[in-house]
Amino acid sequence: QVQLVESGGGLVQAGGSLRLSCAASGRTFSGYTMGWFRQAPGKEREFVATVSWSGRSTLYADSVKGRFTIARDNAKNPVYLQMNSLKPEDTAVYYCAAGPVILSRNTYDYTYWGQGTQVTVSS
């Protein structure tokens, strides 16, 4: 059974930092793009960041550019999301995903999804 499991979420004050991790089991994700998405209450799931298999190429949503950094370590956990200068509007459930399409922003291009981890930023 293929699983992606996120960790590292929590409650933080505005301006603080969190680091999310995504662990995989059941298969390797060789050649797969890894991405992070988020979904706030009452809103659609939205793209946050994505990283290529090699880790050399990344893409970010404009709302997080310069504050968030995505990286992957294919020898350990597949992907990390370092979140700095957090804002209350970053509050959401964050999902890790894996898919075959290079650097896609679209949820439908991702085949495997984690269950999500809650990030809450207080003002």
PDB file of N, CA and C in Angstrom:
ATOM      1  N   GLN A   1       0.847  -1.192   0.000  1.00  0.00           N
ATOM      2  CA  GLN A   1       0.000   0.000   0.000  1.00  0.00           C
ATOM      3  C   GLN A   1       0.883   1.243   0.000  1.00  0.00           C
ATOM      4  N   VAL A   2       0.644   2.117  -0.947  1.00  0.00           N
ATOM      5  CA  VAL A   2       1.428   3.344  -1.063  1.00  0.00           C
ATOM      6  C   VAL A   2       0.872   4.382  -0.107  1.00  0.00           C
ATOM      7  N   GLN A   3       1.773   4.963   0.666  1.00  0.00           N
ATOM      8  CA  GLN A   3       1.362   6.002   1.598  1.00  0.00           C
ATOM      9  C   GLN A   3       2.324   7.168   1.586  1.00  0.00           C
ATOM     10  N   LEU A   4       1.751   8.358   1.679  1.00  0.00           N
ATOM     11  CA  LEU A   4       2.513   9.562   1.952  1.00  0.00           C
ATOM     12  C   LEU A   4       2.009  10.096   3.281  1.00  0.00           C
ATOM     13  N   VAL A   5       2.921  10.368   4.190  1.00  0.00           N
ATOM     14  CA  VAL A   5       2.528  10.821   5.520  1.00  0.00           C
ATOM     15  C   VAL A   5       3.238  12.121   5.842  1.00  0.00           C
ATOM     16  N   GLU A   6       2.441  13.159   6.071  1.00  0.00           N
ATOM     17  CA  GLU A   6       2.991  14.462   6.416  1.00  0.00           C
ATOM     18  C   GLU A   6       3.181  14.584   7.926  1.00  0.00           C
ATOM     19  N   SER A   7       4.135  15.412   8.313  1.00  0.00           N
ATOM     20  CA  SER A   7       4.358  15.724   9.727  1.00  0.00           C
ATOM     21  C   SER A   7       4.950  17.115   9.832  1.00  0.00           C
ATOM     22  N   GLY A   8       4.921  17.672  11.046  1.00  0.00           N
ATOM     23  CA  GLY A   8       5.541  18.960  11.286  1.00  0.00           C
ATOM     24  C   GLY A   8       4.582  20.124  11.420  1.00  0.00           C
ATOM     25  N   GLY A   9       3.302  19.883  11.208  1.00  0.00           N
ATOM     26  CA  GLY A   9       2.332  20.955  11.360  1.00  0.00           C
ATOM     27  C   GLY A   9       2.156  21.340  12.816  1.00  0.00           C
ATOM     28  N   GLY A  10       1.413  22.422  13.038  1.00  0.00           N
ATOM     29  CA  GLY A  10       1.165  22.866  14.399  1.00  0.00           C
ATOM     30  C   GLY A  10       0.675  24.288  14.445  1.00  0.00           C
ATOM     31  N   LEU A  11       0.714  24.850  15.638  1.00  0.00           N
ATOM     32  CA  LEU A  11       0.273  26.218  15.882  1.00  0.00           C
ATOM     33  C   LEU A  11       1.501  27.097  16.059  1.00  0.00           C
ATOM     34  N   VAL A  12       1.531  28.208  15.351  1.00  0.00           N
ATOM     35  CA  VAL A  12       2.659  29.128  15.422  1.00  0.00           C
ATOM     36  C   VAL A  12       2.146  30.556  15.317  1.00  0.00           C
ATOM     37  N   GLN A  13       2.872  31.481  15.915  1.00  0.00           N
ATOM     38  CA  GLN A  13       2.496  32.890  15.808  1.00  0.00           C
ATOM     39  C   GLN A  13       2.937  33.458  14.466  1.00  0.00           C
ATOM     40  N   ALA A  14       2.260  34.499  14.046  1.00  0.00           N
ATOM     41  CA  ALA A  14       2.641  35.179  12.810  1.00  0.00           C
ATOM     42  C   ALA A  14       4.106  35.601  12.885  1.00  0.00           C
ATOM     43  N   GLY A  15       4.801  35.387  11.783  1.00  0.00           N
ATOM     44  CA  GLY A  15       6.226  35.672  11.732  1.00  0.00           C
ATOM     45  C   GLY A  15       7.105  34.492  12.072  1.00  0.00           C
ATOM     46  N   GLY A  16       6.503  33.437  12.586  1.00  0.00           N
ATOM     47  CA  GLY A  16       7.253  32.252  12.969  1.00  0.00           C
ATOM     48  C   GLY A  16       7.515  31.319  11.804  1.00  0.00           C
ATOM     49  N   SER A  17       8.090  30.169  12.138  1.00  0.00           N
ATOM     50  CA  SER A  17       8.486  29.198  11.117  1.00  0.00           C
ATOM     51  C   SER A  17       8.024  27.798  11.499  1.00  0.00           C
ATOM     52  N   LEU A  18       7.808  26.993  10.474  1.00  0.00           N
ATOM     53  CA  LEU A  18       7.541  25.577  10.630  1.00  0.00           C
ATOM     54  C   LEU A  18       8.225  24.836   9.489  1.00  0.00           C
ATOM     55  N   ARG A  19       8.554  23.566   9.748  1.00  0.00           N
ATOM     56  CA  ARG A  19       9.124  22.727   8.698  1.00  0.00           C
ATOM     57  C   ARG A  19       8.270  21.469   8.576  1.00  0.00           C
ATOM     58  N   LEU A  20       7.676  21.300   7.410  1.00  0.00           N
ATOM     59  CA  LEU A  20       6.872  20.118   7.131  1.00  0.00           C
ATOM     60  C   LEU A  20       7.727  19.062   6.451  1.00  0.00           C
ATOM     61  N   SER A  21       7.445  17.800   6.777  1.00  0.00           N
ATOM     62  CA  SER A  21       8.115  16.678   6.136  1.00  0.00           C
ATOM     63  C   SER A  21       7.078  15.735   5.565  1.00  0.00           C
ATOM     64  N   CYS A  22       7.482  14.997   4.548  1.00  0.00           N
ATOM     65  CA  CYS A  22       6.603  14.030   3.920  1.00  0.00           C
ATOM     66  C   CYS A  22       7.364  12.723   3.766  1.00  0.00           C
ATOM     67  N   ALA A  23       6.886  11.674   4.414  1.00  0.00           N
ATOM     68  CA  ALA A  23       7.528  10.371   4.345  1.00  0.00           C
ATOM     69  C   ALA A  23       6.708   9.444   3.459  1.00  0.00           C
ATOM     70  N   ALA A  24       7.403   8.609   2.702  1.00  0.00           N
ATOM     71  CA  ALA A  24       6.734   7.696   1.782  1.00  0.00           C
ATOM     72  C   ALA A  24       6.960   6.252   2.192  1.00  0.00           C
ATOM     73  N   SER A  25       5.971   5.436   1.931  1.00  0.00           N
ATOM     74  CA  SER A  25       6.119   3.996   2.141  1.00  0.00           C
ATOM     75  C   SER A  25       5.343   3.258   1.061  1.00  0.00           C
ATOM     76  N   GLY A  26       5.724   2.026   0.807  1.00  0.00           N
ATOM     77  CA  GLY A  26       5.004   1.215  -0.152  1.00  0.00           C
ATOM     78  C   GLY A  26       5.585   1.236  -1.548  1.00  0.00           C
ATOM     79  N   ARG A  27       6.354   2.256  -1.868  1.00  0.00           N
ATOM     80  CA  ARG A  27       7.013   2.336  -3.173  1.00  0.00           C
ATOM     81  C   ARG A  27       8.014   3.476  -3.143  1.00  0.00           C
ATOM     82  N   THR A  28       8.876   3.494  -4.110  1.00  0.00           N
ATOM     83  CA  THR A  28       9.750   4.648  -4.273  1.00  0.00           C
ATOM     84  C   THR A  28       9.107   5.590  -5.277  1.00  0.00           C
ATOM     85  N   PHE A  29       9.511   6.821  -5.221  1.00  0.00           N
ATOM     86  CA  PHE A  29       8.964   7.814  -6.133  1.00  0.00           C
ATOM     87  C   PHE A  29      10.033   8.298  -7.103  1.00  0.00           C
ATOM     88  N   SER A  30      10.806   7.340  -7.569  1.00  0.00           N
ATOM     89  CA  SER A  30      11.834   7.644  -8.538  1.00  0.00           C
ATOM     90  C   SER A  30      11.219   8.264  -9.782  1.00  0.00           C
ATOM     91  N   GLY A  31      11.734   9.426 -10.152  1.00  0.00           N
ATOM     92  CA  GLY A  31      11.248  10.108 -11.339  1.00  0.00           C
ATOM     93  C   GLY A  31      10.006  10.941 -11.122  1.00  0.00           C
ATOM     94  N   TYR A  32       9.435  10.914  -9.947  1.00  0.00           N
ATOM     95  CA  TYR A  32       8.202  11.654  -9.676  1.00  0.00           C
ATOM     96  C   TYR A  32       8.482  13.063  -9.190  1.00  0.00           C
ATOM     97  N   THR A  33       7.654  13.967  -9.649  1.00  0.00           N
ATOM     98  CA  THR A  33       7.591  15.301  -9.064  1.00  0.00           C
ATOM     99  C   THR A  33       6.884  15.200  -7.718  1.00  0.00           C
ATOM    100  N   MET A  34       7.360  15.960  -6.736  1.00  0.00           N
ATOM    101  CA  MET A  34       6.699  16.035  -5.429  1.00  0.00           C
ATOM    102  C   MET A  34       6.180  17.453  -5.224  1.00  0.00           C
ATOM    103  N   GLY A  35       5.012  17.549  -4.633  1.00  0.00           N
ATOM    104  CA  GLY A  35       4.426  18.867  -4.436  1.00  0.00           C
ATOM    105  C   GLY A  35       3.774  19.021  -3.081  1.00  0.00           C
ATOM    106  N   TRP A  36       3.563  20.272  -2.709  1.00  0.00           N
ATOM    107  CA  TRP A  36       2.785  20.624  -1.525  1.00  0.00           C
ATOM    108  C   TRP A  36       1.595  21.477  -1.961  1.00  0.00           C
ATOM    109  N   PHE A  37       0.454  21.138  -1.416  1.00  0.00           N
ATOM    110  CA  PHE A  37      -0.767  21.902  -1.636  1.00  0.00           C
ATOM    111  C   PHE A  37      -1.355  22.220  -0.273  1.00  0.00           C
ATOM    112  N   ARG A  38      -2.319  23.140  -0.248  1.00  0.00           N
ATOM    113  CA  ARG A  38      -2.984  23.449   1.009  1.00  0.00           C
ATOM    114  C   ARG A  38      -4.449  23.744   0.759  1.00  0.00           C
ATOM    115  N   GLN A  39      -5.236  23.549   1.812  1.00  0.00           N
ATOM    116  CA  GLN A  39      -6.666  23.805   1.709  1.00  0.00           C
ATOM    117  C   GLN A  39      -7.152  24.434   3.004  1.00  0.00           C
ATOM    118  N   ALA A  40      -7.644  25.651   2.879  1.00  0.00           N
ATOM    119  CA  ALA A  40      -8.217  26.360   4.017  1.00  0.00           C
ATOM    120  C   ALA A  40      -9.712  26.048   4.085  1.00  0.00           C
ATOM    121  N   PRO A  41     -10.333  26.211   5.251  1.00  0.00           N
ATOM    122  CA  PRO A  41     -11.765  25.922   5.385  1.00  0.00           C
ATOM    123  C   PRO A  41     -12.599  26.720   4.390  1.00  0.00           C
ATOM    124  N   GLY A  42     -13.465  26.042   3.687  1.00  0.00           N
ATOM    125  CA  GLY A  42     -14.341  26.699   2.746  1.00  0.00           C
ATOM    126  C   GLY A  42     -13.711  27.072   1.412  1.00  0.00           C
ATOM    127  N   LYS A  43     -12.454  26.684   1.228  1.00  0.00           N
ATOM    128  CA  LYS A  43     -11.748  27.029  -0.015  1.00  0.00           C
ATOM    129  C   LYS A  43     -11.285  25.771  -0.741  1.00  0.00           C
ATOM    130  N   GLU A  44     -10.967  25.949  -2.014  1.00  0.00           N
ATOM    131  CA  GLU A  44     -10.454  24.831  -2.791  1.00  0.00           C
ATOM    132  C   GLU A  44      -8.986  24.574  -2.441  1.00  0.00           C
ATOM    133  N   ARG A  45      -8.566  23.361  -2.714  1.00  0.00           N
ATOM    134  CA  ARG A  45      -7.157  23.021  -2.513  1.00  0.00           C
ATOM    135  C   ARG A  45      -6.313  23.813  -3.511  1.00  0.00           C
ATOM    136  N   GLU A  46      -5.236  24.408  -3.026  1.00  0.00           N
ATOM    137  CA  GLU A  46      -4.421  25.241  -3.889  1.00  0.00           C
ATOM    138  C   GLU A  46      -2.958  24.828  -3.863  1.00  0.00           C
ATOM    139  N   PHE A  47      -2.304  25.103  -4.952  1.00  0.00           N
ATOM    140  CA  PHE A  47      -0.894  24.797  -5.119  1.00  0.00           C
ATOM    141  C   PHE A  47      -0.035  25.677  -4.220  1.00  0.00           C
ATOM    142  N   VAL A  48       1.004  25.078  -3.631  1.00  0.00           N
ATOM    143  CA  VAL A  48       1.954  25.826  -2.817  1.00  0.00           C
ATOM    144  C   VAL A  48       3.353  25.797  -3.461  1.00  0.00           C
ATOM    145  N   ALA A  49       3.872  24.589  -3.684  1.00  0.00           N
ATOM    146  CA  ALA A  49       5.223  24.464  -4.227  1.00  0.00           C
ATOM    147  C   ALA A  49       5.414  23.069  -4.797  1.00  0.00           C
ATOM    148  N   THR A  50       6.376  22.955  -5.726  1.00  0.00           N
ATOM    149  CA  THR A  50       6.687  21.657  -6.289  1.00  0.00           C
ATOM    150  C   THR A  50       8.176  21.577  -6.598  1.00  0.00           C
ATOM    151  N   VAL A  51       8.701  20.353  -6.604  1.00  0.00           N
ATOM    152  CA  VAL A  51      10.126  20.132  -6.848  1.00  0.00           C
ATOM    153  C   VAL A  51      10.281  18.922  -7.760  1.00  0.00           C
ATOM    154  N   SER A  52      11.226  19.026  -8.681  1.00  0.00           N
ATOM    155  CA  SER A  52      11.474  17.936  -9.625  1.00  0.00           C
ATOM    156  C   SER A  52      12.165  16.763  -8.943  1.00  0.00           C
ATOM    157  N   TRP A  53      12.233  15.651  -9.656  1.00  0.00           N
ATOM    158  CA  TRP A  53      12.886  14.461  -9.113  1.00  0.00           C
ATOM    159  C   TRP A  53      14.325  14.753  -8.686  1.00  0.00           C
ATOM    160  N   SER A  54      15.057  15.477  -9.488  1.00  0.00           N
ATOM    161  CA  SER A  54      16.461  15.757  -9.174  1.00  0.00           C
ATOM    162  C   SER A  54      16.611  16.735  -8.019  1.00  0.00           C
ATOM    163  N   GLY A  55      15.558  17.510  -7.773  1.00  0.00           N
ATOM    164  CA  GLY A  55      15.638  18.540  -6.744  1.00  0.00           C
ATOM    165  C   GLY A  55      16.183  19.859  -7.253  1.00  0.00           C
ATOM    166  N   ARG A  56      16.601  19.876  -8.506  1.00  0.00           N
ATOM    167  CA  ARG A  56      17.235  21.098  -9.030  1.00  0.00           C
ATOM    168  C   ARG A  56      16.227  22.136  -9.515  1.00  0.00           C
ATOM    169  N   SER A  57      15.010  21.709  -9.798  1.00  0.00           N
ATOM    170  CA  SER A  57      13.992  22.649 -10.292  1.00  0.00           C
ATOM    171  C   SER A  57      12.846  22.736  -9.306  1.00  0.00           C
ATOM    172  N   THR A  58      12.405  23.971  -9.046  1.00  0.00           N
ATOM    173  CA  THR A  58      11.294  24.211  -8.130  1.00  0.00           C
ATOM    174  C   THR A  58      10.351  25.244  -8.716  1.00  0.00           C
ATOM    175  N   LEU A  59       9.154  25.269  -8.175  1.00  0.00           N
ATOM    176  CA  LEU A  59       8.140  26.227  -8.602  1.00  0.00           C
ATOM    177  C   LEU A  59       7.311  26.566  -7.365  1.00  0.00           C
ATOM    178  N   TYR A  60       6.956  27.855  -7.214  1.00  0.00           N
ATOM    179  CA  TYR A  60       6.219  28.295  -6.036  1.00  0.00           C
ATOM    180  C   TYR A  60       4.997  29.119  -6.436  1.00  0.00           C
ATOM    181  N   ALA A  61       3.992  29.058  -5.591  1.00  0.00           N
ATOM    182  CA  ALA A  61       2.880  29.981  -5.721  1.00  0.00           C
ATOM    183  C   ALA A  61       3.382  31.381  -5.369  1.00  0.00           C
ATOM    184  N   ASP A  62       2.818  32.383  -6.010  1.00  0.00           N
ATOM    185  CA  ASP A  62       3.244  33.758  -5.754  1.00  0.00           C
ATOM    186  C   ASP A  62       3.064  34.134  -4.285  1.00  0.00           C
ATOM    187  N   SER A  63       2.050  33.578  -3.656  1.00  0.00           N
ATOM    188  CA  SER A  63       1.730  33.947  -2.275  1.00  0.00           C
ATOM    189  C   SER A  63       2.783  33.473  -1.270  1.00  0.00           C
ATOM    190  N   VAL A  64       3.616  32.504  -1.657  1.00  0.00           N
ATOM    191  CA  VAL A  64       4.605  31.974  -0.716  1.00  0.00           C
ATOM    192  C   VAL A  64       6.033  32.200  -1.189  1.00  0.00           C
ATOM    193  N   LYS A  65       6.195  32.708  -2.378  1.00  0.00           N
ATOM    194  CA  LYS A  65       7.534  32.905  -2.937  1.00  0.00           C
ATOM    195  C   LYS A  65       8.357  33.814  -2.038  1.00  0.00           C
ATOM    196  N   GLY A  66       9.589  33.381  -1.757  1.00  0.00           N
ATOM    197  CA  GLY A  66      10.466  34.152  -0.887  1.00  0.00           C
ATOM    198  C   GLY A  66      10.324  33.830   0.580  1.00  0.00           C
ATOM    199  N   ARG A  67       9.264  33.103   0.943  1.00  0.00           N
ATOM    200  CA  ARG A  67       9.046  32.735   2.351  1.00  0.00           C
ATOM    201  C   ARG A  67       9.148  31.228   2.565  1.00  0.00           C
ATOM    202  N   PHE A  68       8.720  30.459   1.582  1.00  0.00           N
ATOM    203  CA  PHE A  68       8.719  29.001   1.683  1.00  0.00           C
ATOM    204  C   PHE A  68       9.816  28.434   0.788  1.00  0.00           C
ATOM    205  N   THR A  69      10.378  27.304   1.228  1.00  0.00           N
ATOM    206  CA  THR A  69      11.377  26.604   0.429  1.00  0.00           C
ATOM    207  C   THR A  69      11.051  25.117   0.408  1.00  0.00           C
ATOM    208  N   ILE A  70      10.985  24.561  -0.797  1.00  0.00           N
ATOM    209  CA  ILE A  70      10.745  23.133  -0.951  1.00  0.00           C
ATOM    210  C   ILE A  70      12.050  22.451  -1.311  1.00  0.00           C
ATOM    211  N   ALA A  71      12.278  21.281  -0.755  1.00  0.00           N
ATOM    212  CA  ALA A  71      13.486  20.517  -1.047  1.00  0.00           C
ATOM    213  C   ALA A  71      13.172  19.036  -0.886  1.00  0.00           C
ATOM    214  N   ARG A  72      14.003  18.217  -1.498  1.00  0.00           N
ATOM    215  CA  ARG A  72      13.795  16.783  -1.358  1.00  0.00           C
ATOM    216  C   ARG A  72      15.119  16.078  -1.106  1.00  0.00           C
ATOM    217  N   ASP A  73      15.024  14.990  -0.380  1.00  0.00           N
ATOM    218  CA  ASP A  73      16.163  14.122  -0.097  1.00  0.00           C
ATOM    219  C   ASP A  73      15.714  12.721  -0.450  1.00  0.00           C
ATOM    220  N   ASN A  74      16.083  12.277  -1.624  1.00  0.00           N
ATOM    221  CA  ASN A  74      15.574  11.005  -2.113  1.00  0.00           C
ATOM    222  C   ASN A  74      16.102   9.803  -1.340  1.00  0.00           C
ATOM    223  N   ALA A  75      17.098  10.028  -0.500  1.00  0.00           N
ATOM    224  CA  ALA A  75      17.620   8.929   0.307  1.00  0.00           C
ATOM    225  C   ALA A  75      16.833   8.757   1.610  1.00  0.00           C
ATOM    226  N   LYS A  76      16.096   9.796   2.001  1.00  0.00           N
ATOM    227  CA  LYS A  76      15.349   9.753   3.265  1.00  0.00           C
ATOM    228  C   LYS A  76      13.882  10.052   2.981  1.00  0.00           C
ATOM    229  N   ASN A  77      13.338  11.053   3.627  1.00  0.00           N
ATOM    230  CA  ASN A  77      11.982  11.473   3.309  1.00  0.00           C
ATOM    231  C   ASN A  77      11.963  12.124   1.939  1.00  0.00           C
ATOM    232  N   PRO A  78      10.890  11.968   1.210  1.00  0.00           N
ATOM    233  CA  PRO A  78      10.864  12.498  -0.146  1.00  0.00           C
ATOM    234  C   PRO A  78      10.929  14.005  -0.238  1.00  0.00           C
ATOM    235  N   VAL A  79      10.227  14.722   0.646  1.00  0.00           N
ATOM    236  CA  VAL A  79      10.136  16.159   0.435  1.00  0.00           C
ATOM    237  C   VAL A  79       9.918  16.919   1.739  1.00  0.00           C
ATOM    238  N   TYR A  80      10.449  18.132   1.789  1.00  0.00           N
ATOM    239  CA  TYR A  80      10.307  19.024   2.933  1.00  0.00           C
ATOM    240  C   TYR A  80       9.714  20.345   2.457  1.00  0.00           C
ATOM    241  N   LEU A  81       9.090  21.052   3.369  1.00  0.00           N
ATOM    242  CA  LEU A  81       8.637  22.412   3.094  1.00  0.00           C
ATOM    243  C   LEU A  81       9.006  23.274   4.292  1.00  0.00           C
ATOM    244  N   GLN A  82       9.998  24.138   4.108  1.00  0.00           N
ATOM    245  CA  GLN A  82      10.396  25.081   5.147  1.00  0.00           C
ATOM    246  C   GLN A  82       9.560  26.334   4.970  1.00  0.00           C
ATOM    247  N   MET A  83       8.827  26.702   6.017  1.00  0.00           N
ATOM    248  CA  MET A  83       7.920  27.837   5.931  1.00  0.00           C
ATOM    249  C   MET A  83       8.378  28.899   6.932  1.00  0.00           C
ATOM    250  N   ASN A  84       8.782  30.038   6.424  1.00  0.00           N
ATOM    251  CA  ASN A  84       9.241  31.156   7.251  1.00  0.00           C
ATOM    252  C   ASN A  84       8.289  32.337   7.092  1.00  0.00           C
ATOM    253  N   SER A  85       8.393  33.265   8.010  1.00  0.00           N
ATOM    254  CA  SER A  85       7.575  34.485   7.975  1.00  0.00           C
ATOM    255  C   SER A  85       6.101  34.143   7.766  1.00  0.00           C
ATOM    256  N   LEU A  86       5.621  33.212   8.545  1.00  0.00           N
ATOM    257  CA  LEU A  86       4.245  32.744   8.368  1.00  0.00           C
ATOM    258  C   LEU A  86       3.239  33.837   8.676  1.00  0.00           C
ATOM    259  N   LYS A  87       2.130  33.796   7.933  1.00  0.00           N
ATOM    260  CA  LYS A  87       1.050  34.764   8.066  1.00  0.00           C
ATOM    261  C   LYS A  87      -0.232  34.029   8.421  1.00  0.00           C
ATOM    262  N   PRO A  88      -1.188  34.723   9.036  1.00  0.00           N
ATOM    263  CA  PRO A  88      -2.462  34.062   9.353  1.00  0.00           C
ATOM    264  C   PRO A  88      -3.129  33.462   8.115  1.00  0.00           C
ATOM    265  N   GLU A  89      -2.958  34.072   6.969  1.00  0.00           N
ATOM    266  CA  GLU A  89      -3.559  33.543   5.744  1.00  0.00           C
ATOM    267  C   GLU A  89      -2.890  32.267   5.246  1.00  0.00           C
ATOM    268  N   ASP A  90      -1.800  31.847   5.877  1.00  0.00           N
ATOM    269  CA  ASP A  90      -1.184  30.558   5.556  1.00  0.00           C
ATOM    270  C   ASP A  90      -1.865  29.411   6.292  1.00  0.00           C
ATOM    271  N   THR A  91      -2.785  29.725   7.180  1.00  0.00           N
ATOM    272  CA  THR A  91      -3.501  28.694   7.927  1.00  0.00           C
ATOM    273  C   THR A  91      -4.288  27.791   6.984  1.00  0.00           C
ATOM    274  N   ALA A  92      -4.029  26.487   7.069  1.00  0.00           N
ATOM    275  CA  ALA A  92      -4.667  25.517   6.187  1.00  0.00           C
ATOM    276  C   ALA A  92      -4.194  24.117   6.559  1.00  0.00           C
ATOM    277  N   VAL A  93      -4.828  23.126   5.947  1.00  0.00           N
ATOM    278  CA  VAL A  93      -4.292  21.771   5.973  1.00  0.00           C
ATOM    279  C   VAL A  93      -3.342  21.650   4.789  1.00  0.00           C
ATOM    280  N   TYR A  94      -2.132  21.197   5.054  1.00  0.00           N
ATOM    281  CA  TYR A  94      -1.109  21.069   4.018  1.00  0.00           C
ATOM    282  C   TYR A  94      -0.964  19.605   3.611  1.00  0.00           C
ATOM    283  N   TYR A  95      -0.975  19.394   2.290  1.00  0.00           N
ATOM    284  CA  TYR A  95      -0.916  18.052   1.732  1.00  0.00           C
ATOM    285  C   TYR A  95       0.343  17.859   0.896  1.00  0.00           C
ATOM    286  N   CYS A  96       0.939  16.702   1.056  1.00  0.00           N
ATOM    287  CA  CYS A  96       2.047  16.280   0.217  1.00  0.00           C
ATOM    288  C   CYS A  96       1.475  15.423  -0.913  1.00  0.00           C
ATOM    289  N   ALA A  97       2.061  15.532  -2.104  1.00  0.00           N
ATOM    290  CA  ALA A  97       1.565  14.761  -3.238  1.00  0.00           C
ATOM    291  C   ALA A  97       2.705  14.363  -4.157  1.00  0.00           C
ATOM    292  N   ALA A  98       2.502  13.295  -4.903  1.00  0.00           N
ATOM    293  CA  ALA A  98       3.487  12.814  -5.866  1.00  0.00           C
ATOM    294  C   ALA A  98       2.809  12.559  -7.202  1.00  0.00           C
ATOM    295  N   GLY A  99       3.495  12.932  -8.296  1.00  0.00           N
ATOM    296  CA  GLY A  99       2.915  12.728  -9.608  1.00  0.00           C
ATOM    297  C   GLY A  99       3.956  12.685 -10.695  1.00  0.00           C
ATOM    298  N   PRO A 100       3.587  12.187 -11.867  1.00  0.00           N
ATOM    299  CA  PRO A 100       4.537  12.005 -12.962  1.00  0.00           C
ATOM    300  C   PRO A 100       4.764  13.236 -13.829  1.00  0.00           C
ATOM    301  N   VAL A 101       3.938  14.262 -13.680  1.00  0.00           N
ATOM    302  CA  VAL A 101       4.057  15.445 -14.535  1.00  0.00           C
ATOM    303  C   VAL A 101       5.051  16.411 -13.919  1.00  0.00           C
ATOM    304  N   ILE A 102       6.005  16.846 -14.710  1.00  0.00           N
ATOM    305  CA  ILE A 102       7.073  17.684 -14.180  1.00  0.00           C
ATOM    306  C   ILE A 102       6.556  19.055 -13.751  1.00  0.00           C
ATOM    307  N   LEU A 103       6.791  19.370 -12.456  1.00  0.00           N
ATOM    308  CA  LEU A 103       6.528  20.713 -11.914  1.00  0.00           C
ATOM    309  C   LEU A 103       5.112  21.219 -12.205  1.00  0.00           C
ATOM    310  N   SER A 104       4.139  20.384 -11.988  1.00  0.00           N
ATOM    311  CA  SER A 104       2.761  20.797 -12.231  1.00  0.00           C
ATOM    312  C   SER A 104       2.191  21.549 -11.034  1.00  0.00           C
ATOM    313  N   ARG A 105       1.331  22.539 -11.340  1.00  0.00           N
ATOM    314  CA  ARG A 105       0.579  23.267 -10.319  1.00  0.00           C
ATOM    315  C   ARG A 105      -0.807  22.676 -10.116  1.00  0.00           C
ATOM    316  N   ASN A 106      -1.158  21.696 -10.898  1.00  0.00           N
ATOM    317  CA  ASN A 106      -2.526  21.193 -10.928  1.00  0.00           C
ATOM    318  C   ASN A 106      -2.707  19.948 -10.066  1.00  0.00           C
ATOM    319  N   THR A 107      -3.765  19.938  -9.264  1.00  0.00           N
ATOM    320  CA  THR A 107      -4.003  18.788  -8.386  1.00  0.00           C
ATOM    321  C   THR A 107      -4.218  17.512  -9.192  1.00  0.00           C
ATOM    322  N   TYR A 108      -4.823  17.620 -10.375  1.00  0.00           N
ATOM    323  CA  TYR A 108      -5.151  16.416 -11.142  1.00  0.00           C
ATOM    324  C   TYR A 108      -3.920  15.745 -11.752  1.00  0.00           C
ATOM    325  N   ASP A 109      -2.774  16.388 -11.698  1.00  0.00           N
ATOM    326  CA  ASP A 109      -1.537  15.781 -12.202  1.00  0.00           C
ATOM    327  C   ASP A 109      -0.809  14.979 -11.131  1.00  0.00           C
ATOM    328  N   TYR A 110      -1.361  14.941  -9.931  1.00  0.00           N
ATOM    329  CA  TYR A 110      -0.727  14.218  -8.830  1.00  0.00           C
ATOM    330  C   TYR A 110      -1.524  12.952  -8.523  1.00  0.00           C
ATOM    331  N   THR A 111      -0.816  11.845  -8.459  1.00  0.00           N
ATOM    332  CA  THR A 111      -1.445  10.540  -8.322  1.00  0.00           C
ATOM    333  C   THR A 111      -1.616  10.126  -6.867  1.00  0.00           C
ATOM    334  N   TYR A 112      -0.630  10.440  -6.045  1.00  0.00           N
ATOM    335  CA  TYR A 112      -0.628  10.004  -4.652  1.00  0.00           C
ATOM    336  C   TYR A 112      -0.699  11.215  -3.733  1.00  0.00           C
ATOM    337  N   TRP A 113      -1.487  11.070  -2.662  1.00  0.00           N
ATOM    338  CA  TRP A 113      -1.712  12.158  -1.722  1.00  0.00           C
ATOM    339  C   TRP A 113      -1.584  11.651  -0.287  1.00  0.00           C
ATOM    340  N   GLY A 114      -1.066  12.529   0.569  1.00  0.00           N
ATOM    341  CA  GLY A 114      -1.085  12.250   1.988  1.00  0.00           C
ATOM    342  C   GLY A 114      -2.405  12.686   2.600  1.00  0.00           C
ATOM    343  N   GLN A 115      -2.545  12.466   3.898  1.00  0.00           N
ATOM    344  CA  GLN A 115      -3.774  12.799   4.610  1.00  0.00           C
ATOM    345  C   GLN A 115      -3.790  14.244   5.092  1.00  0.00           C
ATOM    346  N   GLY A 116      -2.651  14.884   5.068  1.00  0.00           N
ATOM    347  CA  GLY A 116      -2.604  16.296   5.433  1.00  0.00           C
ATOM    348  C   GLY A 116      -2.154  16.538   6.860  1.00  0.00           C
ATOM    349  N   THR A 117      -1.593  17.717   7.076  1.00  0.00           N
ATOM    350  CA  THR A 117      -1.193  18.153   8.406  1.00  0.00           C
ATOM    351  C   THR A 117      -1.641  19.598   8.598  1.00  0.00           C
ATOM    352  N   GLN A 118      -2.220  19.877   9.758  1.00  0.00           N
ATOM    353  CA  GLN A 118      -2.790  21.195  10.016  1.00  0.00           C
ATOM    354  C   GLN A 118      -1.705  22.193  10.390  1.00  0.00           C
ATOM    355  N   VAL A 119      -1.760  23.344   9.740  1.00  0.00           N
ATOM    356  CA  VAL A 119      -0.903  24.474  10.098  1.00  0.00           C
ATOM    357  C   VAL A 119      -1.812  25.629  10.477  1.00  0.00           C
ATOM    358  N   THR A 120      -1.634  26.158  11.673  1.00  0.00           N
ATOM    359  CA  THR A 120      -2.430  27.279  12.148  1.00  0.00           C
ATOM    360  C   THR A 120      -1.503  28.411  12.559  1.00  0.00           C
ATOM    361  N   VAL A 121      -1.724  29.568  11.975  1.00  0.00           N
ATOM    362  CA  VAL A 121      -0.895  30.736  12.258  1.00  0.00           C
ATOM    363  C   VAL A 121      -1.772  31.769  12.958  1.00  0.00           C
ATOM    364  N   SER A 122      -1.420  32.110  14.174  1.00  0.00           N
ATOM    365  CA  SER A 122      -2.197  33.081  14.945  1.00  0.00           C
ATOM    366  C   SER A 122      -1.634  34.484  14.751  1.00  0.00           C
ATOM    367  N   SER A 123      -2.520  35.445  14.821  1.00  0.00           N
ATOM    368  CA  SER A 123      -2.095  36.843  14.616  1.00  0.00           C
ATOM    369  C   SER A 123      -1.705  37.492  15.926  1.00  0.00           C
TER     370      SER A 123
END
